[in-house]
Amino acid sequence: MQLTLDIPDDVARSLPLPQEERRQRLQTEMACLLYSKGWLSYGQAARVSGLDYYRFGFELGDRNIPRQMSEEDVEHELAYAHRQQHVSRL
């Protein structure tokens, strides 16, 4: 199922966002909010935002929303950081 959110035109126009950024920014805001409430997992929220896994993490950080990480998530992040450190040394 896909859910569409209807926002009245006058309300959308009143947002302090350029028209070409509205959809993406609203998706990101919604994803961050739902993640912060614990309603979506990190992966689900990243998909809703339309951003990749790591960019979504930056968006959470910009909003001071703490990551709710499992042990598996921590291991994944550490492995990625280790790989990046190794690549940067080459």
N, C-alpha and C. Protein backbone atom coordinates (compact mmCIF):
# COMPACT_ATOMS: atom_id res chain seq x y z
N MET A 1 0.84 -1.17 0.00
CA MET A 1 0.00 0.00 0.00
C MET A 1 0.89 1.24 0.00
N GLN A 2 0.50 2.21 -0.79
CA GLN A 2 1.19 3.49 -0.79
C GLN A 2 0.23 4.53 -0.24
N LEU A 3 0.74 5.39 0.62
CA LEU A 3 -0.07 6.42 1.26
C LEU A 3 0.35 7.77 0.71
N THR A 4 -0.64 8.56 0.32
CA THR A 4 -0.39 9.90 -0.19
C THR A 4 -0.96 10.91 0.79
N LEU A 5 -0.17 11.91 1.11
CA LEU A 5 -0.60 12.96 2.02
C LEU A 5 -1.01 14.17 1.21
N ASP A 6 -2.23 14.63 1.38
CA ASP A 6 -2.71 15.82 0.67
C ASP A 6 -2.51 17.05 1.53
N ILE A 7 -1.83 18.03 0.98
CA ILE A 7 -1.62 19.30 1.65
C ILE A 7 -2.26 20.36 0.76
N PRO A 8 -3.18 21.14 1.30
CA PRO A 8 -3.83 22.16 0.48
C PRO A 8 -2.80 23.08 -0.18
N ASP A 9 -3.09 23.49 -1.42
CA ASP A 9 -2.17 24.33 -2.18
C ASP A 9 -1.75 25.58 -1.43
N ASP A 10 -2.69 26.25 -0.78
CA ASP A 10 -2.34 27.50 -0.09
C ASP A 10 -1.39 27.24 1.07
N VAL A 11 -1.56 26.10 1.72
CA VAL A 11 -0.65 25.74 2.82
C VAL A 11 0.74 25.41 2.26
N ALA A 12 0.78 24.62 1.19
CA ALA A 12 2.06 24.27 0.58
C ALA A 12 2.80 25.52 0.11
N ARG A 13 2.09 26.45 -0.50
CA ARG A 13 2.72 27.69 -0.97
C ARG A 13 3.24 28.54 0.19
N SER A 14 2.64 28.40 1.36
CA SER A 14 3.07 29.22 2.49
C SER A 14 4.33 28.67 3.18
N LEU A 15 4.73 27.47 2.82
CA LEU A 15 5.94 26.90 3.42
C LEU A 15 7.16 27.69 2.97
N PRO A 16 8.11 27.92 3.87
CA PRO A 16 9.30 28.71 3.51
C PRO A 16 10.34 27.86 2.77
N LEU A 17 9.88 27.19 1.71
CA LEU A 17 10.75 26.32 0.93
C LEU A 17 10.56 26.61 -0.55
N PRO A 18 11.63 26.54 -1.32
CA PRO A 18 11.46 26.66 -2.77
C PRO A 18 10.56 25.52 -3.27
N GLN A 19 9.74 25.81 -4.24
CA GLN A 19 8.78 24.83 -4.74
C GLN A 19 9.45 23.51 -5.12
N GLU A 20 10.62 23.59 -5.75
CA GLU A 20 11.29 22.37 -6.22
C GLU A 20 11.84 21.51 -5.08
N GLU A 21 11.93 22.07 -3.87
CA GLU A 21 12.44 21.31 -2.72
C GLU A 21 11.33 20.79 -1.81
N ARG A 22 10.11 21.24 -1.98
CA ARG A 22 9.05 20.93 -1.02
C ARG A 22 8.82 19.45 -0.80
N ARG A 23 8.66 18.71 -1.87
CA ARG A 23 8.36 17.28 -1.72
C ARG A 23 9.46 16.56 -0.94
N GLN A 24 10.70 16.73 -1.37
CA GLN A 24 11.83 16.05 -0.71
C GLN A 24 11.95 16.48 0.74
N ARG A 25 11.87 17.76 1.01
CA ARG A 25 12.02 18.25 2.37
C ARG A 25 10.90 17.76 3.27
N LEU A 26 9.66 17.74 2.76
CA LEU A 26 8.54 17.25 3.56
C LEU A 26 8.67 15.76 3.83
N GLN A 27 9.13 15.01 2.84
CA GLN A 27 9.36 13.57 3.06
C GLN A 27 10.41 13.36 4.13
N THR A 28 11.47 14.13 4.08
CA THR A 28 12.54 14.00 5.08
C THR A 28 12.03 14.38 6.45
N GLU A 29 11.29 15.47 6.55
CA GLU A 29 10.75 15.89 7.85
C GLU A 29 9.82 14.82 8.42
N MET A 30 8.96 14.27 7.59
CA MET A 30 8.02 13.23 8.04
C MET A 30 8.79 11.99 8.50
N ALA A 31 9.79 11.61 7.74
CA ALA A 31 10.57 10.42 8.09
C ALA A 31 11.30 10.62 9.42
N CYS A 32 11.88 11.79 9.61
CA CYS A 32 12.59 12.08 10.87
C CYS A 32 11.63 12.07 12.05
N LEU A 33 10.47 12.66 11.87
CA LEU A 33 9.48 12.69 12.95
C LEU A 33 9.02 11.28 13.31
N LEU A 34 8.68 10.48 12.31
CA LEU A 34 8.19 9.12 12.59
C LEU A 34 9.28 8.25 13.21
N TYR A 35 10.53 8.46 12.78
CA TYR A 35 11.64 7.74 13.39
C TYR A 35 11.83 8.15 14.84
N SER A 36 11.76 9.46 15.11
CA SER A 36 11.98 9.95 16.48
C SER A 36 10.91 9.44 17.43
N LYS A 37 9.72 9.17 16.93
CA LYS A 37 8.65 8.63 17.75
C LYS A 37 8.75 7.11 17.92
N GLY A 38 9.67 6.50 17.18
CA GLY A 38 9.82 5.05 17.24
C GLY A 38 8.80 4.31 16.39
N TRP A 39 8.12 5.02 15.52
CA TRP A 39 7.09 4.40 14.69
C TRP A 39 7.68 3.70 13.47
N LEU A 40 8.87 4.14 13.05
CA LEU A 40 9.57 3.52 11.92
C LEU A 40 10.97 3.14 12.35
N SER A 41 11.45 2.05 11.78
CA SER A 41 12.86 1.70 11.99
C SER A 41 13.72 2.66 11.19
N TYR A 42 15.01 2.60 11.42
CA TYR A 42 15.94 3.48 10.70
C TYR A 42 15.83 3.24 9.20
N GLY A 43 15.87 1.98 8.79
CA GLY A 43 15.79 1.65 7.36
C GLY A 43 14.49 2.11 6.73
N GLN A 44 13.38 1.89 7.44
CA GLN A 44 12.09 2.33 6.92
C GLN A 44 12.05 3.85 6.77
N ALA A 45 12.53 4.55 7.79
CA ALA A 45 12.52 6.01 7.75
C ALA A 45 13.42 6.54 6.63
N ALA A 46 14.56 5.91 6.43
CA ALA A 46 15.44 6.33 5.34
C ALA A 46 14.73 6.16 4.00
N ARG A 47 14.02 5.06 3.83
CA ARG A 47 13.27 4.83 2.59
C ARG A 47 12.18 5.88 2.40
N VAL A 48 11.44 6.19 3.46
CA VAL A 48 10.39 7.21 3.38
C VAL A 48 11.00 8.56 2.99
N SER A 49 12.17 8.87 3.54
CA SER A 49 12.81 10.15 3.26
C SER A 49 13.28 10.26 1.81
N GLY A 50 13.52 9.12 1.18
CA GLY A 50 14.07 9.12 -0.17
C GLY A 50 15.57 9.35 -0.20
N LEU A 51 16.19 9.33 0.97
CA LEU A 51 17.63 9.55 1.07
C LEU A 51 18.34 8.22 1.28
N ASP A 52 19.63 8.20 1.00
CA ASP A 52 20.37 6.98 1.28
C ASP A 52 20.60 6.86 2.79
N TYR A 53 21.03 5.69 3.18
CA TYR A 53 21.20 5.32 4.58
C TYR A 53 22.02 6.34 5.35
N TYR A 54 23.15 6.77 4.77
CA TYR A 54 24.07 7.65 5.48
C TYR A 54 23.59 9.10 5.47
N ARG A 55 23.02 9.55 4.37
CA ARG A 55 22.51 10.93 4.32
C ARG A 55 21.37 11.11 5.31
N PHE A 56 20.53 10.07 5.46
CA PHE A 56 19.44 10.16 6.43
C PHE A 56 20.01 10.31 7.85
N GLY A 57 21.11 9.64 8.13
CA GLY A 57 21.76 9.78 9.43
C GLY A 57 22.20 11.21 9.69
N PHE A 58 22.70 11.88 8.65
CA PHE A 58 23.08 13.30 8.80
C PHE A 58 21.85 14.16 9.09
N GLU A 59 20.75 13.85 8.44
CA GLU A 59 19.51 14.61 8.68
C GLU A 59 19.05 14.45 10.13
N LEU A 60 19.16 13.24 10.67
CA LEU A 60 18.80 13.03 12.07
C LEU A 60 19.72 13.87 12.97
N GLY A 61 21.01 13.85 12.67
CA GLY A 61 21.97 14.61 13.46
C GLY A 61 21.68 16.10 13.42
N ASP A 62 21.32 16.60 12.25
CA ASP A 62 20.99 18.03 12.12
C ASP A 62 19.81 18.42 13.00
N ARG A 63 18.95 17.45 13.31
CA ARG A 63 17.76 17.71 14.12
C ARG A 63 17.94 17.25 15.57
N ASN A 64 19.15 16.84 15.91
CA ASN A 64 19.45 16.32 17.26
C ASN A 64 18.54 15.16 17.65
N ILE A 65 18.25 14.31 16.68
CA ILE A 65 17.45 13.11 16.95
C ILE A 65 18.43 11.96 17.15
N PRO A 66 18.46 11.37 18.34
CA PRO A 66 19.41 10.28 18.60
C PRO A 66 19.06 9.03 17.81
N ARG A 67 20.10 8.33 17.39
CA ARG A 67 19.92 7.06 16.70
C ARG A 67 19.54 6.00 17.73
N GLN A 68 18.58 5.19 17.39
CA GLN A 68 18.16 4.06 18.22
C GLN A 68 18.80 2.83 17.60
N MET A 69 19.97 2.48 18.10
CA MET A 69 20.77 1.46 17.43
C MET A 69 20.80 0.15 18.20
N SER A 70 20.62 -0.92 17.45
CA SER A 70 20.78 -2.25 18.01
C SER A 70 22.27 -2.60 17.97
N GLU A 71 22.62 -3.70 18.60
CA GLU A 71 24.01 -4.14 18.56
C GLU A 71 24.44 -4.40 17.12
N GLU A 72 23.55 -4.96 16.33
CA GLU A 72 23.84 -5.23 14.91
C GLU A 72 24.08 -3.92 14.16
N ASP A 73 23.29 -2.89 14.45
CA ASP A 73 23.47 -1.59 13.81
C ASP A 73 24.85 -1.02 14.14
N VAL A 74 25.24 -1.11 15.40
CA VAL A 74 26.54 -0.59 15.83
C VAL A 74 27.66 -1.33 15.10
N GLU A 75 27.55 -2.64 15.00
CA GLU A 75 28.57 -3.43 14.30
C GLU A 75 28.66 -3.02 12.83
N HIS A 76 27.51 -2.80 12.20
CA HIS A 76 27.47 -2.38 10.79
C HIS A 76 28.17 -1.03 10.63
N GLU A 77 27.87 -0.08 11.50
CA GLU A 77 28.47 1.25 11.43
C GLU A 77 29.98 1.19 11.66
N LEU A 78 30.40 0.40 12.62
CA LEU A 78 31.84 0.28 12.90
C LEU A 78 32.58 -0.37 11.74
N ALA A 79 31.97 -1.38 11.12
CA ALA A 79 32.59 -2.04 9.97
C ALA A 79 32.72 -1.06 8.81
N TYR A 80 31.69 -0.27 8.59
CA TYR A 80 31.73 0.73 7.52
C TYR A 80 32.84 1.75 7.79
N ALA A 81 32.92 2.25 9.01
CA ALA A 81 33.94 3.23 9.37
C ALA A 81 35.33 2.65 9.19
N HIS A 82 35.50 1.39 9.56
CA HIS A 82 36.80 0.73 9.41
C HIS A 82 37.17 0.63 7.92
N ARG A 83 36.21 0.26 7.08
CA ARG A 83 36.47 0.15 5.65
C ARG A 83 36.85 1.53 5.07
N GLN A 84 36.16 2.57 5.50
CA GLN A 84 36.44 3.92 5.02
C GLN A 84 37.84 4.38 5.44
N GLN A 85 38.22 4.04 6.67
CA GLN A 85 39.54 4.40 7.17
C GLN A 85 40.62 3.69 6.35
N HIS A 86 40.38 2.42 6.03
CA HIS A 86 41.32 1.64 5.25
C HIS A 86 41.47 2.23 3.85
N VAL A 87 40.36 2.60 3.22
CA VAL A 87 40.38 3.15 1.87
C VAL A 87 41.12 4.49 1.85
N SER A 88 40.92 5.31 2.87
CA SER A 88 41.55 6.62 2.89
C SER A 88 43.07 6.52 3.05
N ARG A 89 43.55 5.42 3.56
CA ARG A 89 45.00 5.24 3.72
C ARG A 89 45.68 4.83 2.42
N LEU A 90 44.89 4.33 1.48
CA LEU A 90 45.49 3.85 0.22
C LEU A 90 45.95 4.93 -0.66
